[in-house]
Protein backbone atom coordinates (compact mmCIF):
# COMPACT_ATOMS: atom_id res chain seq x y z
CA UNK A 1 -3.97 -62.30 -4.47
CA UNK A 2 -1.64 -65.25 -4.93
CA UNK A 3 -2.24 -65.10 -8.67
CA UNK A 4 -1.19 -61.46 -8.77
CA UNK A 5 1.76 -61.86 -6.43
CA UNK A 6 3.13 -64.87 -8.32
CA UNK A 7 4.59 -62.56 -10.95
CA UNK A 8 5.83 -59.89 -8.56
CA UNK A 9 2.78 -57.65 -8.35
CA UNK A 10 1.56 -56.35 -5.00
CA UNK A 11 -2.02 -57.06 -3.96
CA UNK A 12 -3.99 -55.92 -0.92
CA UNK A 13 -7.49 -56.19 0.43
CA UNK A 14 -8.93 -52.69 0.56
CA UNK A 15 -11.88 -50.67 1.81
CA UNK A 16 -15.02 -52.25 3.18
CA UNK A 17 -13.65 -55.77 3.58
CA UNK A 18 -10.88 -54.48 5.87
CA UNK A 19 -13.16 -52.04 7.70
CA UNK A 20 -15.88 -54.59 8.42
CA UNK A 21 -13.44 -57.37 9.33
CA UNK A 22 -11.82 -55.09 11.92
CA UNK A 23 -15.26 -54.21 13.31
CA UNK A 24 -16.34 -57.85 13.41
CA UNK A 25 -19.19 -57.11 11.02
CA UNK A 26 -20.31 -59.21 8.02
CA UNK A 27 -18.28 -58.76 4.86
CA UNK A 28 -20.14 -58.45 1.56
CA UNK A 29 -17.87 -57.44 -1.30
CA UNK A 30 -14.18 -58.28 -1.31
CA UNK A 31 -12.15 -55.67 -3.19
CA UNK A 32 -8.47 -55.98 -4.02
CA UNK A 33 -6.04 -53.18 -4.91
CA UNK A 34 -2.87 -53.84 -6.87
CA UNK A 35 0.02 -52.08 -8.56
CA UNK A 36 -0.47 -54.33 -11.61
CA UNK A 37 -2.06 -52.65 -14.63
CA UNK A 38 -5.49 -53.88 -15.76
CA UNK A 39 -3.90 -55.57 -18.77
CA UNK A 40 -1.46 -57.40 -16.49
CA UNK A 41 -4.29 -58.46 -14.20
CA UNK A 42 -6.18 -59.89 -17.19
CA UNK A 43 -3.09 -61.75 -18.40
CA UNK A 44 -2.19 -63.13 -14.98
CA UNK A 45 -5.76 -64.30 -14.42
CA UNK A 46 -5.87 -66.04 -17.79
CA UNK A 47 -2.58 -67.81 -17.07
CA UNK A 48 -3.95 -69.02 -13.72
CA UNK A 49 -7.19 -70.27 -15.27
CA UNK A 50 -9.36 -67.58 -13.69
CA UNK A 51 -12.13 -65.87 -15.58
CA UNK A 52 -11.45 -62.14 -15.94
CA UNK A 53 -14.19 -59.63 -16.81
CA UNK A 54 -13.19 -56.03 -17.70
CA UNK A 55 -16.09 -54.49 -15.73
CA UNK A 56 -14.51 -51.05 -15.38
CA UNK A 57 -11.22 -51.32 -17.15
CA UNK A 58 -11.01 -47.59 -18.03
CA UNK A 59 -11.00 -46.91 -14.30
CA UNK A 60 -8.67 -49.81 -13.58
CA UNK A 61 -11.18 -52.43 -12.45
CA UNK A 62 -11.20 -56.07 -13.56
CA UNK A 63 -13.51 -58.61 -11.93
CA UNK A 64 -11.88 -61.99 -11.35
CA UNK A 65 -14.27 -64.89 -10.89
CA UNK A 66 -13.38 -67.83 -8.66
CA UNK A 67 -15.82 -70.56 -7.57
CA UNK A 68 -18.71 -68.49 -8.90
CA UNK A 69 -17.84 -65.39 -6.87
CA UNK A 70 -16.56 -62.13 -8.30
CA UNK A 71 -13.68 -60.16 -6.81
CA UNK A 72 -13.06 -56.63 -8.06
CA UNK A 73 -9.36 -56.01 -8.63
CA UNK A 74 -8.47 -52.36 -9.19
CA UNK A 75 -5.13 -50.85 -10.09
CA UNK A 76 -3.75 -48.15 -7.79
CA UNK A 77 -4.89 -44.85 -9.30
CA UNK A 78 -4.95 -41.11 -8.84
CA UNK A 79 -7.49 -38.56 -10.04
CA UNK A 80 -6.52 -36.46 -13.03
CA UNK A 81 -9.83 -34.65 -13.49
CA UNK A 82 -13.20 -34.62 -11.71
CA UNK A 83 -16.51 -32.87 -12.44
CA UNK A 84 -18.54 -33.60 -9.33
CA UNK A 85 -19.86 -36.90 -10.66
CA UNK A 86 -17.18 -38.64 -12.73
CA UNK A 87 -13.40 -38.87 -12.56
CA UNK A 88 -10.63 -39.32 -15.10
CA UNK A 89 -7.90 -41.40 -13.49
CA UNK A 90 -4.28 -42.31 -14.13
CA UNK A 91 -2.74 -45.53 -12.89
CA UNK A 92 0.08 -45.46 -10.36
CA UNK A 93 2.20 -47.88 -8.37
CA UNK A 94 1.95 -45.70 -5.26
CA UNK A 95 -0.48 -46.90 -2.59
CA UNK A 96 -0.41 -43.50 -0.88
CA UNK A 97 -1.74 -41.82 -4.03
CA UNK A 98 -4.46 -44.45 -4.26
CA UNK A 99 -5.43 -43.90 -0.63
CA UNK A 100 -5.45 -40.11 -1.04
CA UNK A 101 -8.31 -40.24 -3.58
CA UNK A 102 -10.62 -42.33 -1.38
CA UNK A 103 -13.58 -40.81 0.44
CA UNK A 104 -13.21 -41.59 4.16
CA UNK A 105 -10.20 -42.54 6.22
CA UNK A 106 -11.91 -45.72 7.44
CA UNK A 107 -12.28 -46.75 3.79
CA UNK A 108 -8.59 -46.11 3.06
CA UNK A 109 -7.40 -49.18 4.94
CA UNK A 110 -5.46 -51.95 3.22
CA UNK A 111 -4.44 -55.43 4.39
CA UNK A 112 -1.97 -57.90 2.96
CA UNK A 113 -2.54 -61.64 2.61
CA UNK A 114 -1.27 -62.22 6.16
CA UNK A 115 -3.80 -59.80 7.61
CA UNK A 116 -1.30 -57.02 8.32
CA UNK A 117 -3.15 -53.68 8.11
CA UNK A 118 -1.61 -50.79 6.18
CA UNK A 119 -3.02 -47.40 7.15
CA UNK A 120 -1.78 -44.53 4.96
CA UNK A 121 -4.44 -42.01 6.08
CA UNK A 122 -4.88 -42.61 9.80
CA UNK A 123 -8.11 -44.47 9.28
CA UNK A 124 -7.48 -47.14 11.90
CA UNK A 125 -7.64 -44.67 14.79
CA UNK A 126 -10.79 -43.16 13.29
CA UNK A 127 -12.34 -46.60 12.94
CA UNK A 128 -11.59 -47.50 16.56
CA UNK A 129 -13.11 -44.19 17.70
CA UNK A 130 -16.04 -44.58 15.27
CA UNK A 131 -15.09 -41.15 13.93
CA UNK A 132 -16.15 -40.45 10.34
CA UNK A 133 -13.64 -38.22 8.58
CA UNK A 134 -12.94 -37.42 4.95
CA UNK A 135 -9.52 -38.17 3.52
CA UNK A 136 -7.69 -34.84 3.22
CA UNK A 137 -9.72 -31.70 2.61
CA UNK A 138 -13.47 -32.43 2.97
CA UNK A 139 -14.52 -29.75 0.49
CA UNK A 140 -12.20 -31.11 -2.17
CA UNK A 141 -13.41 -34.67 -1.63
CA UNK A 142 -17.03 -33.51 -2.00
CA UNK A 143 -16.38 -31.39 -5.10
CA UNK A 144 -14.90 -34.48 -6.73
CA UNK A 145 -18.21 -36.32 -6.28
CA UNK A 146 -21.16 -34.60 -4.62
CA UNK A 147 -22.77 -37.94 -3.86
CA UNK A 148 -20.12 -38.26 -1.15
CA UNK A 149 -22.32 -35.96 0.95
CA UNK A 150 -24.97 -38.65 1.12
CA UNK A 151 -22.34 -41.34 1.53
CA UNK A 152 -21.08 -39.40 4.54
CA UNK A 153 -24.48 -39.56 6.21
CA UNK A 154 -24.99 -43.17 5.19
CA UNK A 155 -21.64 -44.22 6.65
CA UNK A 156 -22.28 -42.18 9.77
CA UNK A 157 -25.55 -44.05 10.25
CA UNK A 158 -23.83 -47.41 9.85
CA UNK A 159 -20.38 -46.94 11.38
CA UNK A 160 -20.09 -43.55 13.05
CA UNK A 161 -20.51 -42.21 16.55
CA UNK A 162 -18.56 -39.00 16.05
CA UNK A 163 -18.85 -36.84 12.93
CA UNK A 164 -15.84 -34.72 12.08
CA UNK A 165 -16.97 -31.06 12.42
CA UNK A 166 -15.06 -30.02 9.30
CA UNK A 167 -16.79 -32.79 7.35
CA UNK A 168 -20.23 -31.71 8.57
CA UNK A 169 -19.50 -28.08 7.68
CA UNK A 170 -18.34 -29.10 4.20
CA UNK A 171 -21.52 -31.14 3.63
CA UNK A 172 -23.61 -28.10 4.54
CA UNK A 173 -21.55 -25.73 2.41
CA UNK A 174 -21.67 -27.90 -0.72
CA UNK A 175 -25.16 -29.41 -0.40
CA UNK A 176 -26.45 -27.67 -3.53
CA UNK A 177 -24.14 -29.92 -5.54
CA UNK A 178 -26.60 -32.74 -4.87
CA UNK A 179 -29.08 -31.11 -7.25
CA UNK A 180 -26.92 -32.39 -10.11
CA UNK A 181 -27.00 -35.99 -8.92
CA UNK A 182 -29.52 -38.41 -10.44
CA UNK A 183 -32.50 -39.12 -8.21
CA UNK A 184 -31.90 -42.85 -8.63
CA UNK A 185 -28.46 -42.55 -7.02
CA UNK A 186 -29.87 -40.44 -4.21
CA UNK A 187 -32.62 -42.97 -3.65
CA UNK A 188 -30.11 -45.83 -3.49
CA UNK A 189 -28.12 -44.04 -0.79
CA UNK A 190 -31.24 -43.19 1.21
CA UNK A 191 -32.40 -46.81 1.15
CA UNK A 192 -29.08 -47.94 2.61
CA UNK A 193 -29.03 -45.11 5.15
CA UNK A 194 -32.53 -45.86 6.44
CA UNK A 195 -31.72 -49.58 6.66
CA UNK A 196 -29.00 -48.91 9.27
CA UNK A 197 -29.74 -50.13 12.82
CA UNK A 198 -30.36 -46.57 14.05
CA UNK A 199 -30.42 -43.90 11.34
CA UNK A 200 -31.95 -41.20 13.58
CA UNK A 201 -28.72 -39.36 14.54
CA UNK A 202 -27.61 -39.27 10.92
CA UNK A 203 -30.99 -38.04 9.65
CA UNK A 204 -30.98 -35.36 12.36
CA UNK A 205 -27.54 -34.28 11.15
CA UNK A 206 -28.88 -34.17 7.59
CA UNK A 207 -31.61 -31.84 8.80
CA UNK A 208 -29.10 -29.69 10.66
CA UNK A 209 -26.99 -29.21 7.52
CA UNK A 210 -29.97 -28.48 5.26
CA UNK A 211 -29.36 -31.61 3.20
CA UNK A 212 -32.57 -33.33 4.28
CA UNK A 213 -34.84 -30.45 3.30
CA UNK A 214 -33.02 -30.14 -0.02
CA UNK A 215 -33.70 -33.76 -0.88
CA UNK A 216 -37.04 -34.31 0.87
CA UNK A 217 -38.73 -30.97 1.60
CA UNK A 218 -41.02 -31.32 4.58
CA UNK A 219 -39.34 -34.44 5.96
CA UNK A 220 -39.88 -34.96 9.69
CA UNK A 221 -36.88 -36.39 11.61
CA UNK A 222 -38.89 -36.32 14.86
CA UNK A 223 -41.48 -38.70 13.37
CA UNK A 224 -38.66 -41.05 12.38
CA UNK A 225 -37.31 -41.00 15.93
CA UNK A 226 -40.78 -41.78 17.27
CA UNK A 227 -41.02 -44.79 14.95
CA UNK A 228 -37.58 -46.09 15.88
CA UNK A 229 -38.57 -45.94 19.55
CA UNK A 230 -41.43 -48.35 18.77
CA UNK A 231 -39.56 -50.87 16.60
CA UNK A 232 -38.10 -52.94 19.43
CA UNK A 233 -36.81 -56.21 18.01
CA UNK A 234 -38.41 -55.68 14.61
CA UNK A 235 -35.78 -55.86 11.86
CA UNK A 236 -34.80 -52.56 10.20
CA UNK A 237 -37.03 -51.65 7.26
CA UNK A 238 -36.10 -48.64 5.13
CA UNK A 239 -39.56 -48.48 3.53
CA UNK A 240 -41.37 -48.26 6.87
CA UNK A 241 -38.92 -45.62 8.08
CA UNK A 242 -39.28 -43.62 4.89
CA UNK A 243 -43.06 -43.60 5.37
CA UNK A 244 -42.55 -42.06 8.81
CA UNK A 245 -40.05 -39.54 7.50
CA UNK A 246 -41.94 -38.18 4.50
CA UNK A 247 -45.51 -38.53 3.13
CA UNK A 248 -44.64 -38.63 -0.58
CA UNK A 249 -41.02 -39.47 -1.41
CA UNK A 250 -41.56 -41.37 -4.66
CA UNK A 251 -40.44 -38.74 -7.19
CA UNK A 252 -37.61 -37.32 -5.11
CA UNK A 253 -36.02 -40.75 -4.69
CA UNK A 254 -37.21 -42.36 -7.95
CA UNK A 255 -38.83 -45.27 -6.19
CA UNK A 256 -39.93 -48.26 -8.25
CA UNK A 257 -43.60 -48.85 -8.99
CA UNK A 258 -43.80 -51.51 -6.27
CA UNK A 259 -42.04 -49.27 -3.74
CA UNK A 260 -44.29 -46.34 -4.62
CA UNK A 261 -47.36 -48.55 -4.18
CA UNK A 262 -46.15 -49.60 -0.72
CA UNK A 263 -45.56 -45.99 0.33
CA UNK A 264 -49.01 -44.98 -0.93
CA UNK A 265 -50.67 -47.85 0.94
CA UNK A 266 -48.93 -46.97 4.20
CA UNK A 267 -49.82 -43.30 3.89
CA UNK A 268 -53.46 -44.07 3.03
CA UNK A 269 -53.87 -46.42 5.99
CA UNK A 270 -52.19 -43.91 8.29
CA UNK A 271 -54.13 -40.90 7.00
CA UNK A 272 -57.52 -42.66 7.21
CA UNK A 273 -56.85 -44.23 10.62
CA UNK A 274 -57.23 -47.81 9.48
CA UNK A 275 -57.42 -50.39 12.24
CA UNK A 276 -54.84 -53.14 12.62
CA UNK A 277 -57.34 -55.65 11.23
CA UNK A 278 -58.28 -53.57 8.23
CA UNK A 279 -54.71 -52.75 7.25
CA UNK A 280 -53.43 -56.31 7.56
CA UNK A 281 -56.47 -57.82 5.81
CA UNK A 282 -56.37 -55.34 2.94
CA UNK A 283 -52.61 -54.92 2.56
CA UNK A 284 -51.02 -58.09 3.88
CA UNK A 285 -48.96 -58.99 6.93
CA UNK A 286 -45.76 -57.10 6.06
CA UNK A 287 -47.45 -53.77 5.43
CA UNK A 288 -49.82 -54.51 8.31
CA UNK A 289 -46.89 -54.80 10.72
CA UNK A 290 -45.40 -51.57 9.39
CA UNK A 291 -48.75 -49.83 9.77
CA UNK A 292 -49.00 -51.03 13.37
CA UNK A 293 -45.62 -49.52 14.20
CA UNK A 294 -46.56 -46.26 12.50
CA UNK A 295 -49.76 -46.23 14.55
CA UNK A 296 -47.71 -46.66 17.73
CA UNK A 297 -45.37 -43.87 16.61
CA UNK A 298 -48.42 -41.64 16.24
CA UNK A 299 -49.32 -42.29 19.88
CA UNK A 300 -51.85 -45.10 19.54
CA UNK A 301 -51.63 -47.95 22.05
CA UNK A 302 -51.25 -51.39 20.48
CA UNK A 303 -52.69 -54.52 22.12
CA UNK A 304 -50.12 -56.89 23.67
CA UNK A 305 -50.74 -59.49 20.95
CA UNK A 306 -50.67 -57.02 18.07
CA UNK A 307 -48.28 -59.10 15.97
CA UNK A 308 -50.46 -62.19 16.22
CA UNK A 309 -53.50 -60.05 15.44
CA UNK A 310 -51.85 -58.71 12.29
CA UNK A 311 -50.95 -62.18 11.03
CA UNK A 312 -54.43 -63.52 11.77
CA UNK A 313 -56.04 -60.61 9.95
CA UNK A 314 -53.75 -61.05 6.95
CA UNK A 315 -54.83 -64.68 6.69
CA UNK A 316 -58.55 -64.10 7.28
CA UNK A 317 -60.94 -65.18 4.51
CA UNK A 318 -64.26 -63.41 3.96
CA UNK A 319 -66.98 -66.07 4.26
CA UNK A 320 -69.45 -64.60 1.72
CA UNK A 321 -69.49 -64.99 -2.04
CA UNK A 322 -71.79 -63.60 -4.72
CA UNK A 323 -73.53 -66.96 -4.88
CA UNK A 324 -74.69 -66.44 -1.29
CA UNK A 325 -76.81 -63.48 -2.45
CA UNK A 326 -78.84 -64.82 -5.40
CA UNK A 327 -81.42 -62.01 -5.29
CA UNK A 328 -78.84 -59.25 -5.83
CA UNK A 329 -77.12 -58.28 -9.05
CA UNK A 330 -74.87 -55.62 -10.51
CA UNK A 331 -74.08 -52.55 -8.38
CA UNK A 332 -76.45 -53.70 -5.66
CA UNK A 333 -74.50 -56.92 -5.26
CA UNK A 334 -71.19 -55.06 -5.09
CA UNK A 335 -72.59 -52.64 -2.50
CA UNK A 336 -73.96 -55.50 -0.42
CA UNK A 337 -70.69 -57.44 -0.35
CA UNK A 338 -68.68 -54.31 0.43
CA UNK A 339 -70.96 -53.36 3.33
CA UNK A 340 -70.93 -56.85 4.81
CA UNK A 341 -67.17 -57.18 4.47
CA UNK A 342 -66.58 -53.84 6.23
CA UNK A 343 -68.80 -54.93 9.13
CA UNK A 344 -67.03 -58.30 9.29
CA UNK A 345 -63.61 -56.60 9.52
CA UNK A 346 -64.89 -54.17 12.16
CA UNK A 347 -66.14 -57.11 14.23
CA UNK A 348 -62.67 -58.62 14.33
CA UNK A 349 -63.78 -61.17 11.71
CA UNK A 350 -66.28 -62.57 14.23
CA UNK A 351 -69.64 -62.04 12.49
CA UNK A 352 -70.99 -65.41 11.22
CA UNK A 353 -72.12 -66.00 7.66
CA UNK A 354 -75.91 -65.93 8.38
CA UNK A 355 -75.66 -62.49 9.99
CA UNK A 356 -73.52 -61.25 7.12
CA UNK A 357 -76.06 -62.52 4.56
CA UNK A 358 -78.87 -60.67 6.29
CA UNK A 359 -76.79 -57.51 6.46
CA UNK A 360 -75.76 -57.79 2.81
CA UNK A 361 -79.33 -58.35 1.58
CA UNK A 362 -80.48 -55.31 3.51
CA UNK A 363 -77.69 -53.15 2.13
CA UNK A 364 -78.30 -54.36 -1.41
CA UNK A 365 -81.96 -53.44 -1.28
CA UNK A 366 -81.43 -49.96 0.09
CA UNK A 367 -81.89 -47.15 -2.48
CA UNK A 368 -78.64 -45.55 -3.64
């Protein structure tokens, strides 16, 4: 900011850094808005010995790097043309025009280098009230970028307590615009939404507006609420919550192969009523813990030491090896080991090796 201001430009912190600082919440990205053109920002940075990367220069954004950290510096701008996904912008020196194109009033907050907040859109009062409101006309904001519907629900989950009725009505009225948004972008928003401390009110609002069924037909907000009631001091986990919400979300949200595998494992264990021991032993501690919470959400009573049990099961080591069954070979050997291992898991990993050997030999000799 000093670099920009040294030559007479104005520079302000903007958006999330101001919002989160005012709320006393952690700050991730630090964005700066300026009336300097991108070319001027590049020149000023070079003169000050800062690395400048034109990461989005057509839209006015230059990333300045200082001490290994990037800061996005974006020129004040106004929309010239939008198509529901992308915008053509023109640069301006008017902060009010820049604020008018932003999504929510609580994101249209600026602060100078002394910490003085500038509030062109009334966002400060909304932030204090935890009221989520679009800047200007909600329908217009959504038509500019239909992904803002999902951003609305994501921000409501993270920062809101009161949803502006006009905003909710606009999300419902324009929800079909989400069909033109890439599934990857929808998935990214849903991950962030479900990672909020308590996403249940926002997901319920999504269901009320028809957005949830559009994106995840058959999703069950009640099942999500039941899971959240069981989480206690467990850290938020979007994957676990997604498993409660929908049985097969992979295609709709374009999950990665690893994420899809996790969802499939959770659904299999839940569908087949796997025990705590079986799930943790087969799938590991992390998925085992998630499975336990899903079991509790389904009405099953967990033992008081369920977390310890999950970790012990995840670290258990089956005491038999093929060498322990020298008289068995091929499919018979595989069948014997599988039978003995299942019995060992069912016993709470208590059956000793001699008993398991006897059981395995018997199973291996049985006719298929």
